[in-house]
Protein backbone atom coordinates (compact mmCIF):
# COMPACT_ATOMS: atom_id res chain seq x y z
CA UNK A 1 0.00 0.00 0.00
CA UNK A 2 1.14 3.54 -0.68
CA UNK A 3 2.88 4.86 2.43
CA UNK A 4 0.69 7.96 2.67
CA UNK A 5 -2.43 5.81 2.54
CA UNK A 6 -1.02 3.54 5.23
CA UNK A 7 -0.30 6.52 7.49
CA UNK A 8 -3.25 8.84 6.86
CA UNK A 9 -6.05 6.64 5.46
CA UNK A 10 -5.93 3.88 8.04
CA UNK A 11 -9.18 4.58 9.88
CA UNK A 12 -8.24 8.21 10.55
CA UNK A 13 -10.59 11.10 11.32
CA UNK A 14 -10.47 14.40 9.40
CA UNK A 15 -11.99 17.58 10.84
CA UNK A 16 -12.99 20.25 8.31
CA UNK A 17 -14.77 23.61 8.24
CA UNK A 18 -18.51 23.09 7.97
CA UNK A 19 -18.90 26.82 7.37
CA UNK A 20 -16.91 26.63 4.12
CA UNK A 21 -18.03 23.15 3.10
CA UNK A 22 -21.60 22.77 4.29
CA UNK A 23 -22.35 19.49 2.49
CA UNK A 24 -25.48 18.71 4.56
CA UNK A 25 -27.08 22.02 3.58
CA UNK A 26 -26.16 21.60 -0.10
CA UNK A 27 -27.59 18.10 -0.28
CA UNK A 28 -30.79 19.01 1.57
CA UNK A 29 -31.44 21.91 -0.83
CA UNK A 30 -30.94 19.65 -3.87
CA UNK A 31 -33.44 17.18 -2.44
CA UNK A 32 -35.96 19.91 -1.61
CA UNK A 33 -35.93 21.13 -5.22
CA UNK A 34 -37.63 17.86 -6.16
CA UNK A 35 -39.18 16.83 -2.83
CA UNK A 36 -40.22 20.06 -1.06
CA UNK A 37 -41.97 18.09 1.68
CA UNK A 38 -38.58 16.94 3.05
CA UNK A 39 -37.63 19.11 6.04
CA UNK A 40 -34.55 17.29 7.30
CA UNK A 41 -32.11 14.60 6.23
CA UNK A 42 -32.45 12.73 9.53
CA UNK A 43 -36.21 12.21 9.19
CA UNK A 44 -36.52 11.96 5.42
CA UNK A 45 -37.96 8.44 5.85
CA UNK A 46 -41.13 10.04 7.24
CA UNK A 47 -41.65 12.07 4.06
CA UNK A 48 -40.64 9.76 1.19
CA UNK A 49 -40.72 6.06 0.34
CA UNK A 50 -37.70 3.74 -0.03
CA UNK A 51 -38.33 3.87 -3.76
CA UNK A 52 -37.97 7.65 -3.64
CA UNK A 53 -34.68 7.29 -1.74
CA UNK A 54 -33.14 5.54 -4.73
CA UNK A 55 -34.24 8.39 -7.00
CA UNK A 56 -32.94 10.97 -4.55
CA UNK A 57 -29.46 9.46 -4.38
CA UNK A 58 -29.32 9.54 -8.17
CA UNK A 59 -30.37 13.19 -8.27
CA UNK A 60 -27.69 14.22 -5.78
CA UNK A 61 -24.96 12.22 -7.48
CA UNK A 62 -25.85 13.84 -10.81
CA UNK A 63 -25.74 17.25 -9.12
CA UNK A 64 -22.06 16.66 -8.38
CA UNK A 65 -21.43 17.16 -12.11
CA UNK A 66 -22.48 20.81 -11.68
CA UNK A 67 -19.90 23.57 -11.67
CA UNK A 68 -20.77 24.59 -8.11
CA UNK A 69 -20.37 21.20 -6.44
CA UNK A 70 -17.45 19.95 -8.54
CA UNK A 71 -15.55 23.19 -7.84
CA UNK A 72 -16.37 22.88 -4.15
CA UNK A 73 -15.05 19.31 -4.13
CA UNK A 74 -11.86 20.47 -5.88
CA UNK A 75 -11.27 23.09 -3.20
CA UNK A 76 -11.91 20.59 -0.41
CA UNK A 77 -9.44 18.10 -1.91
CA UNK A 78 -6.80 20.79 -2.38
CA UNK A 79 -7.14 22.02 1.20
CA UNK A 80 -7.60 18.81 3.15
CA UNK A 81 -6.71 15.74 1.08
CA UNK A 82 -3.65 16.79 -0.92
CA UNK A 83 -1.46 17.35 2.20
CA UNK A 84 -2.36 13.84 3.41
CA UNK A 85 -0.95 12.24 0.24
CA UNK A 86 2.33 14.14 0.29
CA UNK A 87 1.09 16.81 -2.16
CA UNK A 88 1.29 14.26 -4.98
CA UNK A 89 -0.83 14.59 -8.13
CA UNK A 90 -4.25 13.01 -7.84
CA UNK A 91 -7.59 12.50 -9.54
CA UNK A 92 -11.03 13.01 -7.96
CA UNK A 93 -14.06 10.77 -8.25
CA UNK A 94 -16.25 12.39 -10.89
CA UNK A 95 -19.54 11.64 -9.13
CA UNK A 96 -19.36 11.03 -5.38
CA UNK A 97 -21.79 8.46 -4.01
CA UNK A 98 -24.59 9.49 -1.66
CA UNK A 99 -25.13 6.80 1.00
CA UNK A 100 -28.53 6.74 2.68
CA UNK A 101 -29.37 4.33 5.50
CA UNK A 102 -33.02 4.56 6.58
CA UNK A 103 -34.28 2.96 9.80
CA UNK A 104 -34.71 -0.80 9.36
CA UNK A 105 -33.25 -0.60 5.88
CA UNK A 106 -32.93 -4.38 5.78
CA UNK A 107 -36.72 -4.72 5.43
CA UNK A 108 -36.50 -2.80 2.14
CA UNK A 109 -33.50 -4.76 0.84
CA UNK A 110 -31.24 -1.73 1.27
CA UNK A 111 -28.59 -3.00 3.69
CA UNK A 112 -25.05 -2.72 2.30
CA UNK A 113 -23.18 -6.03 2.84
CA UNK A 114 -19.65 -6.07 4.20
CA UNK A 115 -16.99 -5.76 1.53
CA UNK A 116 -13.66 -4.16 0.79
CA UNK A 117 -12.93 -1.77 -2.08
CA UNK A 118 -11.09 -4.44 -4.06
CA UNK A 119 -14.39 -6.33 -4.32
CA UNK A 120 -16.04 -3.19 -5.77
CA UNK A 121 -13.61 -2.59 -8.67
CA UNK A 122 -11.37 -0.20 -6.72
CA UNK A 123 -7.59 -0.20 -6.90
CA UNK A 124 -5.22 -0.01 -3.95
CA UNK A 125 -4.02 3.43 -5.03
CA UNK A 126 -7.33 5.00 -4.03
CA UNK A 127 -8.05 6.85 -0.80
CA UNK A 128 -11.63 6.98 0.49
CA UNK A 129 -13.15 10.06 2.13
CA UNK A 130 -16.43 9.19 3.90
CA UNK A 131 -18.25 12.36 4.99
CA UNK A 132 -21.40 11.98 7.11
CA UNK A 133 -24.15 14.55 6.60
CA UNK A 134 -25.94 13.50 9.79
CA UNK A 135 -24.85 12.19 13.17
CA UNK A 136 -23.42 8.69 12.75
CA UNK A 137 -23.42 6.24 15.64
CA UNK A 138 -24.25 2.68 16.60
CA UNK A 139 -26.32 0.80 14.03
CA UNK A 140 -26.98 3.71 11.63
CA UNK A 141 -23.27 4.18 10.88
CA UNK A 142 -20.76 2.47 8.65
CA UNK A 143 -19.00 -0.37 10.45
CA UNK A 144 -15.33 -0.84 9.60
CA UNK A 145 -12.48 -3.18 10.43
CA UNK A 146 -8.77 -2.53 11.00
CA UNK A 147 -6.38 -3.32 8.16
CA UNK A 148 -4.75 -6.53 9.43
CA UNK A 149 -7.97 -8.42 10.24
CA UNK A 150 -9.45 -7.10 6.98
CA UNK A 151 -6.63 -8.67 4.98
CA UNK A 152 -6.82 -11.91 6.98
CA UNK A 153 -10.59 -12.29 6.56
CA UNK A 154 -10.33 -11.48 2.87
CA UNK A 155 -7.87 -14.34 2.46
CA UNK A 156 -10.20 -16.68 4.32
CA UNK A 157 -13.40 -15.83 2.47
CA UNK A 158 -11.66 -16.26 -0.90
CA UNK A 159 -9.67 -19.41 -0.12
CA UNK A 160 -12.24 -21.18 2.06
CA UNK A 161 -15.25 -20.09 -0.03
CA UNK A 162 -17.30 -18.85 2.92
CA UNK A 163 -21.02 -18.31 2.64
CA UNK A 164 -22.27 -14.73 2.83
CA UNK A 165 -23.78 -15.53 6.25
CA UNK A 166 -20.45 -16.67 7.70
CA UNK A 167 -18.59 -13.71 6.18
CA UNK A 168 -21.11 -11.23 7.57
CA UNK A 169 -21.00 -12.79 11.03
CA UNK A 170 -17.20 -12.70 11.19
CA UNK A 171 -17.07 -9.14 9.86
CA UNK A 172 -19.54 -7.87 12.42
CA UNK A 173 -17.49 -9.43 15.25
CA UNK A 174 -14.33 -7.58 14.19
CA UNK A 175 -15.85 -4.27 13.06
CA UNK A 176 -16.89 -1.15 14.94
CA UNK A 177 -19.23 1.73 14.08
CA UNK A 178 -17.77 5.06 12.96
CA UNK A 179 -19.01 7.76 15.35
CA UNK A 180 -18.82 11.19 13.69
CA UNK A 181 -20.70 14.45 13.21
CA UNK A 182 -21.08 16.70 10.16
CA UNK A 183 -17.79 18.55 9.78
CA UNK A 184 -15.82 15.34 10.13
CA UNK A 185 -14.79 12.62 7.67
CA UNK A 186 -13.52 9.08 8.04
CA UNK A 187 -10.45 8.20 5.97
CA UNK A 188 -9.66 4.65 4.92
CA UNK A 189 -8.11 2.58 2.13
CA UNK A 190 -9.44 -0.10 -0.19
CA UNK A 191 -8.41 -3.16 1.81
CA UNK A 192 -10.43 -2.10 4.86
CA UNK A 193 -13.54 -4.28 5.14
CA UNK A 194 -16.63 -2.21 5.88
CA UNK A 195 -20.40 -2.38 5.58
CA UNK A 196 -23.66 -1.78 7.42
CA UNK A 197 -25.71 -3.61 10.00
CA UNK A 198 -29.45 -3.04 10.24
CA UNK A 199 -30.26 0.49 11.40
CA UNK A 200 -32.34 0.23 14.57
CA UNK A 201 -32.02 3.93 15.46
CA UNK A 202 -34.86 6.31 14.68
CA UNK A 203 -32.92 8.50 12.23
CA UNK A 204 -31.75 8.19 8.64
CA UNK A 205 -28.01 8.39 8.11
CA UNK A 206 -26.63 10.20 5.06
CA UNK A 207 -22.98 10.28 3.97
CA UNK A 208 -21.01 11.32 0.89
CA UNK A 209 -18.51 8.68 -0.19
CA UNK A 210 -15.73 9.66 -2.62
CA UNK A 211 -12.15 8.83 -3.57
CA UNK A 212 -8.93 10.25 -4.89
CA UNK A 213 -6.47 8.26 -6.99
CA UNK A 214 -2.77 8.99 -6.47
CA UNK A 215 -0.66 9.36 -9.63
CA UNK A 216 1.24 6.21 -10.54
CA UNK A 217 -0.88 3.98 -8.31
CA UNK A 218 -3.28 1.20 -9.27
CA UNK A 219 -6.93 1.89 -10.02
CA UNK A 220 -8.13 -1.63 -10.94
CA UNK A 221 -11.29 -1.06 -13.06
CA UNK A 222 -11.86 2.56 -11.97
CA UNK A 223 -10.18 4.09 -14.99
CA UNK A 224 -9.06 7.74 -15.10
CA UNK A 225 -11.18 10.03 -17.24
CA UNK A 226 -14.46 8.28 -16.53
CA UNK A 227 -14.70 7.33 -12.88
CA UNK A 228 -11.94 9.81 -12.00
CA UNK A 229 -11.26 13.33 -13.27
CA UNK A 230 -8.48 15.85 -12.94
CA UNK A 231 -9.08 18.73 -10.52
CA UNK A 232 -10.61 21.50 -12.61
CA UNK A 233 -11.83 19.15 -15.34
CA UNK A 234 -15.57 19.69 -14.93
CA UNK A 235 -18.28 17.92 -16.91
CA UNK A 236 -20.38 21.07 -16.74
CA UNK A 237 -17.80 22.86 -18.91
CA UNK A 238 -18.47 20.55 -21.88
CA UNK A 239 -20.20 22.52 -24.65
CA UNK A 240 -21.94 20.39 -27.28
CA UNK A 241 -22.95 21.79 -30.70
CA UNK A 242 -26.17 19.98 -31.60
CA UNK A 243 -26.19 21.45 -35.12
CA UNK A 244 -23.31 19.25 -36.24
CA UNK A 245 -23.67 15.87 -37.97
CA UNK A 246 -22.95 12.91 -35.69
CA UNK A 247 -22.24 9.23 -36.28
CA UNK A 248 -22.18 6.65 -33.46
CA UNK A 249 -19.45 4.02 -33.53
CA UNK A 250 -18.89 0.79 -31.57
CA UNK A 251 -16.03 -1.69 -31.46
CA UNK A 252 -14.82 -4.75 -29.53
CA UNK A 253 -11.15 -4.50 -30.46
CA UNK A 254 -9.48 -2.88 -27.45
CA UNK A 255 -8.62 -4.27 -24.04
CA UNK A 256 -11.24 -1.90 -22.66
CA UNK A 257 -14.24 -2.88 -24.78
CA UNK A 258 -13.50 -6.40 -26.02
CA UNK A 259 -15.89 -7.94 -23.47
CA UNK A 260 -18.50 -5.17 -23.45
CA UNK A 261 -21.55 -6.24 -25.44
CA UNK A 262 -23.01 -4.02 -28.12
CA UNK A 263 -26.21 -3.51 -26.12
CA UNK A 264 -24.26 -2.22 -23.10
CA UNK A 265 -22.18 0.06 -25.30
CA UNK A 266 -25.31 1.37 -26.98
CA UNK A 267 -26.93 2.14 -23.61
CA UNK A 268 -23.92 4.21 -22.50
CA UNK A 269 -23.73 6.07 -25.79
CA UNK A 270 -27.48 6.73 -25.88
CA UNK A 271 -27.34 8.10 -22.34
CA UNK A 272 -24.68 10.56 -23.51
CA UNK A 273 -26.77 11.50 -26.57
CA UNK A 274 -29.82 12.12 -24.37
CA UNK A 275 -27.79 14.24 -21.92
CA UNK A 276 -26.84 16.63 -24.72
CA UNK A 277 -29.92 16.32 -27.00
CA UNK A 278 -27.75 15.01 -29.82
CA UNK A 279 -29.40 13.66 -32.96
CA UNK A 280 -27.27 11.33 -35.07
CA UNK A 281 -27.21 9.85 -38.55
CA UNK A 282 -26.82 6.22 -37.51
CA UNK A 283 -24.54 3.53 -36.07
CA UNK A 284 -21.33 2.03 -37.43
CA UNK A 285 -19.82 -1.19 -36.07
CA UNK A 286 -16.18 -2.17 -36.33
CA UNK A 287 -15.33 -5.63 -37.67
CA UNK A 288 -14.13 -7.73 -34.77
CA UNK A 289 -10.46 -8.85 -34.67
CA UNK A 290 -9.45 -5.92 -36.87
CA UNK A 291 -7.43 -4.17 -34.22
CA UNK A 292 -6.30 -1.38 -36.54
CA UNK A 293 -9.97 -0.19 -36.72
CA UNK A 294 -10.28 0.25 -40.49
CA UNK A 295 -13.95 1.31 -40.33
CA UNK A 296 -13.16 4.05 -37.80
CA UNK A 297 -10.24 5.16 -39.99
CA UNK A 298 -12.56 5.28 -42.98
CA UNK A 299 -15.13 7.36 -41.08
CA UNK A 300 -12.47 9.97 -40.33
CA UNK A 301 -12.09 10.56 -44.07
CA UNK A 302 -15.82 11.06 -44.78
CA UNK A 303 -16.23 14.73 -43.85
CA UNK A 304 -18.25 13.83 -40.76
CA UNK A 305 -18.39 16.53 -38.08
CA UNK A 306 -18.31 14.28 -35.03
CA UNK A 307 -18.12 10.63 -34.01
CA UNK A 308 -19.51 9.40 -30.68
CA UNK A 309 -17.62 6.39 -29.28
CA UNK A 310 -17.85 4.45 -26.05
CA UNK A 311 -14.55 5.50 -24.48
CA UNK A 312 -11.20 7.15 -25.01
CA UNK A 313 -9.78 3.71 -24.17
CA UNK A 314 -11.51 2.26 -27.25
CA UNK A 315 -9.46 4.26 -29.76
CA UNK A 316 -5.65 4.05 -30.23
CA UNK A 317 -3.72 7.28 -29.70
CA UNK A 318 -2.57 7.30 -33.33
CA UNK A 319 -6.18 7.44 -34.55
CA UNK A 320 -7.03 10.17 -32.04
CA UNK A 321 -4.13 12.17 -33.47
CA UNK A 322 -5.44 11.51 -37.00
CA UNK A 323 -8.93 12.70 -36.01
CA UNK A 324 -7.42 15.90 -34.68
CA UNK A 325 -5.51 16.47 -37.92
CA UNK A 326 -8.71 16.05 -39.94
CA UNK A 327 -10.80 18.24 -37.64
CA UNK A 328 -13.22 15.47 -36.61
CA UNK A 329 -14.65 15.84 -33.11
CA UNK A 330 -14.56 12.66 -31.04
CA UNK A 331 -17.07 12.37 -28.21
CA UNK A 332 -16.38 9.85 -25.43
CA UNK A 333 -19.65 8.72 -23.85
CA UNK A 334 -18.12 6.93 -20.88
CA UNK A 335 -15.91 9.85 -19.90
CA UNK A 336 -18.42 12.61 -20.82
CA UNK A 337 -15.61 14.32 -22.72
CA UNK A 338 -14.97 15.74 -26.20
CA UNK A 339 -11.71 15.92 -28.16
CA UNK A 340 -11.52 19.02 -30.38
CA UNK A 341 -8.09 20.51 -29.73
CA UNK A 342 -4.51 19.53 -28.98
CA UNK A 343 -5.18 20.52 -25.38
CA UNK A 344 -8.03 18.00 -25.26
CA UNK A 345 -5.77 15.27 -26.66
CA UNK A 346 -3.04 16.12 -24.17
CA UNK A 347 -5.56 15.72 -21.34
CA UNK A 348 -6.64 12.33 -22.69
CA UNK A 349 -3.03 11.17 -22.87
CA UNK A 350 -2.49 12.37 -19.30
CA UNK A 351 -5.44 10.31 -18.12
CA UNK A 352 -4.17 7.25 -19.97
CA UNK A 353 -0.73 7.51 -18.39
CA UNK A 354 -1.87 8.46 -14.88
CA UNK A 355 -2.23 5.01 -13.36
CA UNK A 356 -0.93 1.45 -13.34
CA UNK A 357 -3.39 -1.46 -13.59
CA UNK A 358 -1.82 -3.46 -10.75
CA UNK A 359 1.18 -3.42 -8.40
CA UNK A 360 2.02 -6.85 -7.09
CA UNK A 361 -0.22 -9.55 -5.66
CA UNK A 362 -3.42 -8.87 -3.76
CA UNK A 363 -3.56 -10.03 -0.14
CA UNK A 364 -5.42 -13.22 -1.08
CA UNK A 365 -3.31 -14.18 -4.12
């Protein structure tokens, strides 16, 4: 594990200024725009249904793409997180997760099982910042384990093929609740096992869960550009010209997309099109096993204004350079980004070189 993570993200507590970073107030106001009957985060369960809770978390997470909240998160990371990682370069989670634990959440199928970040696609180069928006204590809080027993139990559950019941029982024995107030954050790394027990308090617990990725460290499946962004690289700054002619393109010829089915690719691309009200002229599919992407190369020569692809990891750098030479815009649906200029290409190349896939064996290998 990175030494800074071992020292400063090993079940540490961070105190921050709630006056400058009033996350509870920001989140409550976002919710009230759509659910004006909600008066407080703690008692939201009295005003909305569990089904509404799922919609609310999505609304808040989408709001983190706004200029206001993404800039606020940048400032927070610069002030409080950067010193804890030795002032190294880092990326920020593009859309922080909003955790919501209602009373007796288990009855609604909402209890988060115990896990570690490695099980959730995270790499060991990530630091987690868990910021409660309400008082957290006893059964409403996140329960977390120390690093050594986390690594030991992870080895056991993998090698001995434990049932979920046995894993949960053992985790609960060795875990403890995080007791914090708004204005504090819990800092931990990806090998710390954590989860929830059933909330038997009378309040709902909210928390914002986000990460930074340290430059040169492993990200596992959380690739830079999509899941992570550079400080200052805000989705809200993307300006899409809907008057241009667009073609949508899909391929299965890169390490990134070779196992992603066409339907899944189409869903991601269509979500991007809907976000920006883009109308397109149709779909083009690359011939599989043709790793030099001849159909994409051909499209670049057809005087098309813009091509929408799944990801910047789907297209080789040489073809991105060719697109730039020919003045063809490339839109990356997964990363919510556009390549128009040399500066855009430089940013893409920075993302691609920011991380390593893996450093050494995992604790259970």
